Structure formats: C-alpha cells, structure tokens
Amino acid sequence: MSIKVGIMGASGRMGRMLLQSVLDNPNTTLVAGFVPDFSGLVGVDAGEFIGVGKVGVPLTIFDENLPKMDVLIDFSLPNAIDKTIEICTKHHLPLVVGVTGLDDDQENALRHASDHIPIVYAGNYSTGVNLSLDLLATTAKVLGTDADVEIIEYHHKHKLDAPSGTALMMANAVATARKQTLKTSAVYGRHGQAKRTDGEIGIHAVRGGEIVGEHTVSFIMNGEIIEITHKAQSRMTFANGAVRAGIWLTDKPNGLYDMQDVLGLK
C-alpha cells in the first residue's frame, strides 16, 4: 500500500528535495505540497515546480481543509510550527518534523502533541549522522572528561540557526554519555580571556558558500586526538531519511520519536 504524503515548506531548499524523494519512492504518493500564503507559487504543479513534469498536485496553502494523507513532513520554519502542530493534532495526522531552531516552548508543544499523535522530531535525518551519534556516545563514555571535546560545524551562508540542530544532537550525545547536561557544559564559540575549564563542550558554527553540512567532533587528549566527522554531499540524503521516517511512523502509536527509533538503534 502506498503511503500518502504531504510536504510542508515545499518551496524551500529541503522542500524541493522532499517533493522529489516522495515522487521517486515506490512506497509513497505525493498528495500535497504546502507553501506560505504570500507565495507566488500557489496553484503551480509540484512536479513542474521541481522540473519533472506535471504530477497533478498543485502547491497550496496549509489550512484546515487538508487532503487525505497518511503523514505530513515539515521542513519549513519555526514561525509555522505552532499552526502545523494544531492542525495535525486536530486531524490526528502523524507528523515528521525537521524544522531546526525551535525554542523551548515549541519543543514543549511538540511533546504535548505527541500525547495525541505520533511524531518524529530530529535535528538530522541522515543515516550516517545518526550512526555517528552511537560512536560519539561510546567514545565519550570511555574517555570521560579526560578528553576536551570541541565540535565545529559548517553550513551554507543561507542557514538561519546556529549552532545547527545536528551539532546540538552530537553535543547532547557526548554530554549524556558523560552524565552532563548541555546547559552546564556547552560553550558556544569563544571570545575574551579565559582558560578552558574541565568538562566543557565547545560548539562552533561556520557559515559560508553552499556547504550542505559538515560536522567534526574532536576528542583532544594529551598525546592523541580522536576525530569523528560527517560530511553531507547532498540534501537528498536528509530528504530520503525523512521520507523513510514518514513511512515508518504511519503505523506507530502516539509518542515522540527520533531518527534513532526509526533506524532501530535504540
């Protein structure tokens, strides 16, 4: 049975990749692509928009009048997530969230909504990144705070949030393995005059050009350095992972999941 998928933020960089991924996947059917109400793309065929020819699905505004679908995938912007949560909860529609830069209130709203609908929420939908989280946790657990940890992430100059959701996922994996929290251990960039303290997790963001996404976590010890690096070469990696999450989610009970659940890594 083909899974009917809607894409929120269809006109964005990731939205285009998601449209393509859903159309390419033999197990999914594109039934909706949602764009902002001020967009000049309203009414444009989704397939023609991404250059694959007409598919019979016009780009529309996201509102209460949803077409029949099995899951909604949202890679839009934080200012749209409240409405997305409200409508998905009302229609009991499973939701895959790839929006980064959410504040504490928005994350709490997702947790509350997961009592009523199944939600996958992840800072990164790449299989490789999620495998690297296991490697990071193992390394951090073995080395403890004997290793100074520094995380450097690189993204294109158009990215709005810093640090990236992926960098925060990686930092949290390290902190949790060392029985720390990011609130007490994270240092975001450095300036001024101060020595590094034991247990710090340095997080640094670089923005420029059209870099898809690169993350390096360095465990720095006296005499040796261990580095774990992930480089994304195409946004399609993230899109395919999100579609995989959407397919996985459609028969799951209410709850808040992440990509580790989808990949069976927990």
Protein backbone atom coordinates (compact mmCIF):
# COMPACT_ATOMS: atom_id res chain seq x y z
CA MET A 1 0.00 0.00 0.00
CA SER A 2 1.37 3.41 -0.97
CA ILE A 3 1.76 5.98 1.83
CA LYS A 4 0.08 9.33 1.07
CA VAL A 5 2.47 12.15 1.97
CA GLY A 6 2.11 15.91 2.34
CA ILE A 7 5.10 18.28 2.40
CA MET A 8 5.10 21.44 4.50
CA GLY A 9 7.54 24.11 3.29
CA ALA A 10 7.53 22.66 -0.21
CA SER A 11 9.05 25.76 -1.82
CA GLY A 12 12.20 25.75 0.33
CA ARG A 13 15.57 24.12 -0.33
CA MET A 14 14.68 20.99 1.59
CA GLY A 15 11.06 21.13 0.45
CA ARG A 16 12.11 20.64 -3.16
CA MET A 17 14.24 17.65 -2.21
CA LEU A 18 11.33 16.18 -0.25
CA LEU A 19 8.97 16.54 -3.20
CA GLN A 20 11.50 14.72 -5.37
CA SER A 21 12.10 11.99 -2.78
CA VAL A 22 8.39 11.29 -2.31
CA LEU A 23 7.83 11.14 -6.07
CA ASP A 24 10.83 8.81 -6.53
CA ASN A 25 9.94 6.42 -3.71
CA PRO A 26 7.83 3.45 -4.91
CA ASN A 27 6.16 3.23 -1.48
CA THR A 28 4.90 6.84 -1.32
CA THR A 29 2.43 9.04 -3.17
CA LEU A 30 2.61 12.84 -3.10
CA VAL A 31 -0.82 14.27 -2.29
CA ALA A 32 0.06 17.82 -1.15
CA GLY A 33 2.78 20.43 -1.17
CA PHE A 34 2.21 23.41 1.12
CA VAL A 35 3.71 26.89 0.64
CA PRO A 36 3.24 30.20 2.53
CA ASP A 37 0.07 32.18 1.79
CA PHE A 38 2.16 35.03 0.36
CA SER A 39 3.94 32.74 -2.10
CA GLY A 40 3.52 33.32 -5.81
CA LEU A 41 3.74 29.54 -6.28
CA VAL A 42 0.20 28.82 -5.05
CA GLY A 43 -1.51 26.77 -7.76
CA VAL A 44 1.72 25.73 -9.51
CA ASP A 45 2.01 21.99 -10.11
CA ALA A 46 4.53 20.43 -7.69
CA GLY A 47 6.15 18.33 -10.41
CA GLU A 48 6.54 21.28 -12.77
CA PHE A 49 7.95 23.33 -9.89
CA ILE A 50 10.85 20.89 -9.42
CA GLY A 51 11.27 20.25 -13.14
CA VAL A 52 9.98 16.70 -13.50
CA GLY A 53 6.76 17.42 -15.36
CA LYS A 54 3.16 17.67 -14.28
CA VAL A 55 2.10 15.30 -11.46
CA GLY A 56 -1.38 16.68 -10.78
CA VAL A 57 -0.61 18.04 -7.30
CA PRO A 58 -0.85 21.85 -7.08
CA LEU A 59 1.07 23.70 -4.39
CA THR A 60 -1.42 25.05 -1.86
CA ILE A 61 -1.74 26.92 1.44
CA PHE A 62 -1.72 24.88 4.65
CA ASP A 63 -5.06 25.21 6.41
CA GLU A 64 -7.88 23.19 7.96
CA ASN A 65 -9.01 21.78 4.60
CA LEU A 66 -6.40 19.06 4.29
CA PRO A 67 -6.50 16.46 1.55
CA LYS A 68 -6.49 12.83 2.69
CA MET A 69 -2.94 11.91 3.73
CA ASP A 70 -1.14 9.44 5.97
CA VAL A 71 1.71 11.66 7.16
CA LEU A 72 2.93 15.26 6.94
CA ILE A 73 6.63 16.05 6.66
CA ASP A 74 7.59 19.56 7.81
CA PHE A 75 10.95 21.17 7.00
CA SER A 76 9.68 24.74 6.98
CA LEU A 77 10.50 27.46 9.54
CA PRO A 78 9.94 27.79 13.29
CA ASN A 79 7.29 30.51 12.88
CA ALA A 80 4.98 28.00 11.18
CA ILE A 81 5.28 25.09 13.61
CA ASP A 82 2.53 26.15 16.01
CA LYS A 83 -0.11 26.06 13.28
CA THR A 84 1.27 22.78 11.97
CA ILE A 85 1.02 21.15 15.40
CA GLU A 86 -2.51 22.48 15.94
CA ILE A 87 -3.90 21.23 12.62
CA CYS A 88 -2.10 17.87 12.72
CA THR A 89 -3.39 17.23 16.23
CA LYS A 90 -6.94 18.14 15.21
CA HIS A 91 -6.82 15.75 12.23
CA HIS A 92 -4.83 13.08 14.13
CA LEU A 93 -2.21 13.27 11.38
CA PRO A 94 1.25 11.72 12.00
CA LEU A 95 3.98 14.36 11.75
CA VAL A 96 7.67 14.27 10.81
CA VAL A 97 9.44 17.44 11.95
CA GLY A 98 12.79 18.51 10.53
CA VAL A 99 12.44 22.18 11.49
CA THR A 100 15.51 23.35 13.41
CA GLY A 101 15.87 26.34 15.69
CA LEU A 102 12.74 25.66 17.74
CA ASP A 103 12.60 27.35 21.14
CA ASP A 104 11.77 25.62 24.42
CA ASP A 105 8.06 26.46 24.20
CA GLN A 106 7.81 24.99 20.70
CA GLU A 107 9.62 21.82 21.73
CA ASN A 108 7.29 21.52 24.71
CA ALA A 109 4.33 21.92 22.34
CA LEU A 110 5.66 19.01 20.28
CA ARG A 111 5.96 16.85 23.40
CA HIS A 112 2.41 17.71 24.41
CA ALA A 113 1.10 16.99 20.91
CA SER A 114 2.81 13.60 20.94
CA ASP A 115 0.30 12.51 23.58
CA HIS A 116 -2.30 12.71 20.80
CA ILE A 117 -0.41 11.91 17.57
CA PRO A 118 2.80 10.08 16.61
CA ILE A 119 5.67 12.50 15.89
CA VAL A 120 9.23 12.01 14.68
CA TYR A 121 11.38 15.01 15.62
CA ALA A 122 15.08 15.02 14.76
CA GLY A 123 17.77 17.59 14.11
CA ASN A 124 19.12 15.44 11.29
CA TYR A 125 17.57 12.66 9.18
CA SER A 126 20.81 11.32 7.71
CA THR A 127 21.53 7.65 8.40
CA GLY A 128 25.24 8.43 8.72
CA VAL A 129 24.75 11.19 11.27
CA ASN A 130 22.54 9.00 13.42
CA LEU A 131 25.07 6.18 13.31
CA SER A 132 27.75 8.66 14.34
CA LEU A 133 25.77 9.52 17.48
CA ASP A 134 26.36 5.98 18.73
CA LEU A 135 30.09 6.32 18.01
CA LEU A 136 30.19 9.65 19.84
CA ALA A 137 28.40 8.28 22.89
CA THR A 138 30.74 5.28 23.09
CA THR A 139 33.84 7.43 22.73
CA ALA A 140 32.63 9.96 25.30
CA LYS A 141 31.74 7.24 27.79
CA VAL A 142 35.19 5.63 27.53
CA LEU A 143 37.22 8.85 27.63
CA GLY A 144 35.06 10.83 30.04
CA THR A 145 36.18 14.34 30.84
CA ASP A 146 39.83 13.38 30.33
CA ALA A 147 39.23 14.45 26.73
CA ASP A 148 38.50 18.04 25.76
CA VAL A 149 35.59 17.99 23.29
CA GLU A 150 35.23 20.56 20.52
CA ILE A 151 32.52 20.50 17.84
CA ILE A 152 32.84 22.51 14.63
CA GLU A 153 30.00 22.61 12.11
CA TYR A 154 29.98 24.12 8.61
CA HIS A 155 26.87 25.11 6.65
CA HIS A 156 25.85 27.31 3.72
CA LYS A 157 25.50 31.04 4.24
CA HIS A 158 21.69 30.92 3.99
CA LYS A 159 21.20 28.83 7.14
CA LEU A 160 19.33 30.78 9.83
CA ASP A 161 20.02 28.87 13.05
CA ALA A 162 23.39 28.44 14.74
CA PRO A 163 24.59 26.11 16.02
CA SER A 164 22.93 23.55 13.80
CA GLY A 165 20.44 21.04 15.11
CA THR A 166 22.90 18.30 14.23
CA ALA A 167 25.70 19.92 16.25
CA LEU A 168 23.37 20.08 19.24
CA MET A 169 22.42 16.42 18.78
CA MET A 170 26.09 15.48 18.75
CA ALA A 171 26.88 17.64 21.76
CA ASN A 172 23.97 16.16 23.65
CA ALA A 173 25.14 12.61 22.83
CA VAL A 174 28.54 13.44 24.33
CA ALA A 175 27.09 15.21 27.36
CA THR A 176 24.62 12.44 28.14
CA ALA A 177 27.33 9.76 27.89
CA ARG A 178 29.46 11.78 30.34
CA LYS A 179 26.48 12.34 32.67
CA GLN A 180 26.45 16.06 31.92
CA THR A 181 23.89 18.47 30.51
CA LEU A 182 24.39 21.00 27.73
CA LYS A 183 23.08 23.76 29.97
CA THR A 184 26.07 23.36 32.27
CA SER A 185 28.78 22.15 29.87
CA ALA A 186 28.26 23.81 26.47
CA VAL A 187 30.33 26.81 25.41
CA TYR A 188 29.14 28.44 22.18
CA GLY A 189 32.15 29.97 20.48
CA ARG A 190 34.84 31.74 22.47
CA HIS A 191 35.99 35.29 22.96
CA GLY A 192 37.72 37.28 25.66
CA GLN A 193 40.35 35.98 28.06
CA ALA A 194 39.59 32.78 29.93
CA LYS A 195 41.12 29.33 30.17
CA ARG A 196 39.20 26.28 29.05
CA THR A 197 37.62 24.51 32.03
CA ASP A 198 37.36 20.75 32.52
CA GLY A 199 34.24 19.19 31.04
CA GLU A 200 33.47 21.95 28.57
CA ILE A 201 31.92 21.01 25.23
CA GLY A 202 32.88 23.68 22.73
CA ILE A 203 30.43 24.26 19.87
CA HIS A 204 31.36 26.46 16.91
CA ALA A 205 29.43 27.41 13.77
CA VAL A 206 30.90 28.36 10.39
CA ARG A 207 28.70 29.80 7.62
CA GLY A 208 29.69 30.30 4.00
CA GLY A 209 29.12 29.46 0.38
CA GLU A 210 26.88 26.50 -0.40
CA ILE A 211 28.21 23.91 2.07
CA VAL A 212 25.47 21.30 2.58
CA GLY A 213 26.64 20.34 6.06
CA GLU A 214 29.82 19.16 7.75
CA HIS A 215 30.35 18.27 11.42
CA THR A 216 33.53 17.28 13.22
CA VAL A 217 33.73 16.27 16.88
CA SER A 218 37.26 16.26 18.29
CA PHE A 219 38.22 14.41 21.48
CA ILE A 220 41.50 16.09 22.40
CA MET A 221 43.84 14.41 24.87
CA ASN A 222 47.46 14.81 25.83
CA GLY A 223 49.28 12.92 23.11
CA GLU A 224 46.43 11.97 20.79
CA ILE A 225 43.26 13.26 19.16
CA ILE A 226 40.22 11.28 18.02
CA GLU A 227 38.01 12.95 15.42
CA ILE A 228 34.62 11.77 14.19
CA THR A 229 33.46 13.59 11.06
CA HIS A 230 30.33 13.50 8.95
CA LYS A 231 30.06 15.30 5.60
CA ALA A 232 26.79 15.58 3.73
CA GLN A 233 27.25 15.87 -0.03
CA SER A 234 23.59 16.22 -1.00
CA ARG A 235 20.40 17.40 0.70
CA MET A 236 18.71 14.37 -0.83
CA THR A 237 20.31 12.33 1.96
CA PHE A 238 18.20 14.19 4.51
CA ALA A 239 15.08 14.10 2.34
CA ASN A 240 15.29 10.34 1.82
CA GLY A 241 15.76 9.85 5.56
CA ALA A 242 12.74 11.98 6.36
CA VAL A 243 10.58 10.05 3.89
CA ARG A 244 11.82 6.82 5.45
CA ALA A 245 10.78 8.22 8.83
CA GLY A 246 7.35 9.12 7.44
CA ILE A 247 6.75 5.61 6.16
CA TRP A 248 7.90 4.13 9.49
CA LEU A 249 5.68 6.46 11.50
CA THR A 250 2.35 5.70 9.88
CA ASP A 251 1.58 2.60 11.97
CA LYS A 252 3.15 3.75 15.25
CA PRO A 253 1.24 4.65 18.44
CA ASN A 254 1.16 8.19 19.76
CA GLY A 255 4.52 9.31 21.07
CA LEU A 256 7.62 11.38 20.38
CA TYR A 257 10.26 9.53 18.37
CA ASP A 258 13.56 10.41 16.73
CA MET A 259 15.67 9.03 13.90
CA GLN A 260 17.39 6.61 16.27
CA ASP A 261 13.98 4.96 16.75
CA VAL A 262 13.37 4.87 13.00
CA LEU A 263 16.72 3.15 12.35
CA GLY A 264 16.29 0.71 15.24
CA LEU A 265 19.40 1.99 17.03
CA LYS A 266 17.76 2.23 20.46
